[in-house]
């Protein structure tokens, strides 16, 4: 298994109101579909998967929303592609050994992009950032 591509197909950020009081930010990733795709490496062709996803950051109360859609390209051997597609069509699930690196790739790219876009609209970052604190001395 190897992730060989990543692309966004939709990027939407909307600020609906002023930021006041306590804000909760809910982040969610979902796999919307898995399709077969073919890769060409020179004269060789190989089967793989195109995993379509949706990433959302919702600022509550209804202050803002960030929405990304896109796909991850995963290179697999031919038998694995067929088995994974059958499993997806039956249960709408992928096995953890395939799902984990795909979700991690989506989270890494989307969290970085959401951080950049939230800054442009003066929204709080959708992911917690590291903070430095000092302890009072006794």
Protein backbone atom coordinates (compact mmCIF):
# COMPACT_ATOMS: atom_id res chain seq x y z
CA UNK A 1 0.00 0.00 0.00
CA UNK A 2 1.26 3.43 -0.89
CA UNK A 3 -0.43 6.80 -0.99
CA UNK A 4 0.65 8.33 -4.29
CA UNK A 5 -1.60 11.35 -4.62
CA UNK A 6 -3.78 13.87 -2.82
CA UNK A 7 -6.00 16.59 -4.20
CA UNK A 8 -8.67 19.02 -3.13
CA UNK A 9 -11.80 19.37 -5.27
CA UNK A 10 -13.65 21.86 -3.05
CA UNK A 11 -12.51 24.45 -0.48
CA UNK A 12 -15.14 26.51 1.27
CA UNK A 13 -14.82 28.78 4.29
CA UNK A 14 -17.69 30.90 5.50
CA UNK A 15 -17.86 33.29 8.44
CA UNK A 16 -21.51 33.72 9.43
CA UNK A 17 -21.24 35.97 12.46
CA UNK A 18 -19.06 37.75 14.99
CA UNK A 19 -17.02 35.78 17.48
CA UNK A 20 -18.40 36.27 20.97
CA UNK A 21 -18.19 34.16 24.11
CA UNK A 22 -17.25 30.51 24.19
CA UNK A 23 -16.77 28.76 20.86
CA UNK A 24 -16.69 25.02 20.26
CA UNK A 25 -15.03 23.72 17.12
CA UNK A 26 -15.99 20.28 15.85
CA UNK A 27 -13.77 18.65 13.23
CA UNK A 28 -14.98 15.65 11.25
CA UNK A 29 -13.59 13.54 8.40
CA UNK A 30 -15.70 11.12 6.42
CA UNK A 31 -14.98 8.86 3.48
CA UNK A 32 -17.73 9.49 0.94
CA UNK A 33 -16.78 6.91 -1.70
CA UNK A 34 -14.07 4.52 -2.87
CA UNK A 35 -13.52 3.98 -6.59
CA UNK A 36 -11.14 2.00 -8.74
CA UNK A 37 -8.59 4.04 -10.64
CA UNK A 38 -5.75 3.11 -13.00
CA UNK A 39 -2.20 4.40 -12.76
CA UNK A 40 0.23 4.54 -15.65
CA UNK A 41 3.93 4.27 -14.91
CA UNK A 42 5.61 4.54 -18.28
CA UNK A 43 4.22 1.61 -20.27
CA UNK A 44 3.05 -0.25 -17.15
CA UNK A 45 -0.48 0.11 -15.83
CA UNK A 46 -1.56 -0.69 -12.30
CA UNK A 47 -4.86 -0.65 -10.41
CA UNK A 48 -5.41 1.50 -7.39
CA UNK A 49 -8.05 3.22 -5.30
CA UNK A 50 -9.40 6.73 -5.36
CA UNK A 51 -10.75 7.49 -1.88
CA UNK A 52 -13.11 10.49 -1.84
CA UNK A 53 -13.44 12.42 1.42
CA UNK A 54 -15.13 15.32 3.15
CA UNK A 55 -13.52 17.34 5.97
CA UNK A 56 -15.56 19.79 8.06
CA UNK A 57 -14.71 22.23 10.83
CA UNK A 58 -17.87 23.66 12.39
CA UNK A 59 -17.64 26.62 14.75
CA UNK A 60 -20.49 26.48 17.30
CA UNK A 61 -22.71 28.34 17.91
CA UNK A 62 -23.22 28.72 14.15
CA UNK A 63 -20.39 31.23 13.58
CA UNK A 64 -18.36 29.67 10.78
CA UNK A 65 -17.70 26.56 8.75
CA UNK A 66 -14.76 25.19 6.82
CA UNK A 67 -15.47 22.46 4.25
CA UNK A 68 -13.00 20.56 2.09
CA UNK A 69 -13.68 17.78 -0.37
CA UNK A 70 -11.04 15.84 -2.24
CA UNK A 71 -9.44 12.51 -2.90
CA UNK A 72 -6.51 10.36 -1.92
CA UNK A 73 -4.92 8.02 -4.47
CA UNK A 74 -3.79 4.70 -3.03
CA UNK A 75 -1.67 2.19 -4.94
CA UNK A 76 -2.52 -1.45 -4.16
CA UNK A 77 -1.95 -4.81 -5.81
CA UNK A 78 -4.75 -5.97 -8.11
CA UNK A 79 -6.23 -8.57 -5.74
CA UNK A 80 -6.28 -6.09 -2.84
CA UNK A 81 -8.06 -3.49 -4.99
CA UNK A 82 -10.79 -5.97 -5.88
CA UNK A 83 -11.20 -7.14 -2.26
CA UNK A 84 -11.26 -3.58 -0.90
CA UNK A 85 -13.85 -2.47 -3.47
CA UNK A 86 -16.08 -5.48 -2.64
CA UNK A 87 -15.82 -4.66 1.07
CA UNK A 88 -16.62 -1.00 0.44
CA UNK A 89 -19.67 -1.81 -1.69
CA UNK A 90 -20.95 -4.22 0.97
CA UNK A 91 -20.26 -2.35 4.26
CA UNK A 92 -19.05 1.16 3.26
CA UNK A 93 -15.89 0.40 5.27
CA UNK A 94 -12.20 -0.16 4.64
CA UNK A 95 -9.98 -2.29 6.90
CA UNK A 96 -8.02 -0.35 9.57
CA UNK A 97 -4.61 -1.10 7.96
CA UNK A 98 -5.79 0.72 4.80
CA UNK A 99 -7.97 3.35 6.47
CA UNK A 100 -5.43 4.60 9.05
CA UNK A 101 -2.78 6.01 6.66
CA UNK A 102 -5.49 7.47 4.41
CA UNK A 103 -7.25 9.26 7.28
CA UNK A 104 -3.90 10.47 8.67
CA UNK A 105 -2.97 11.90 5.26
CA UNK A 106 -6.35 13.66 5.00
CA UNK A 107 -6.06 15.08 8.53
CA UNK A 108 -2.52 16.35 7.98
CA UNK A 109 -3.31 18.18 4.74
CA UNK A 110 -6.75 19.46 5.78
CA UNK A 111 -5.72 20.67 9.24
CA UNK A 112 -2.86 22.70 7.76
CA UNK A 113 -5.12 24.20 5.07
CA UNK A 114 -7.91 24.91 7.60
CA UNK A 115 -5.37 26.68 9.84
CA UNK A 116 -4.24 28.91 6.95
CA UNK A 117 -7.79 29.72 5.83
CA UNK A 118 -9.09 30.40 9.35
CA UNK A 119 -6.34 33.00 9.79
CA UNK A 120 -7.51 34.82 6.65
CA UNK A 121 -11.03 35.29 8.10
CA UNK A 122 -9.81 36.07 11.64
CA UNK A 123 -11.27 32.87 13.04
CA UNK A 124 -9.75 30.93 15.93
CA UNK A 125 -7.59 28.05 14.71
CA UNK A 126 -9.65 24.86 14.22
CA UNK A 127 -6.98 22.76 15.93
CA UNK A 128 -5.38 23.40 19.33
CA UNK A 129 -1.99 25.08 19.01
CA UNK A 130 0.85 24.58 21.50
CA UNK A 131 1.05 27.12 24.31
CA UNK A 132 3.81 28.05 26.71
CA UNK A 133 2.88 28.44 30.36
CA UNK A 134 4.79 29.47 33.44
CA UNK A 135 4.36 28.09 36.93
CA UNK A 136 4.18 30.38 39.90
CA UNK A 137 7.11 29.97 42.28
CA UNK A 138 6.45 29.27 45.95
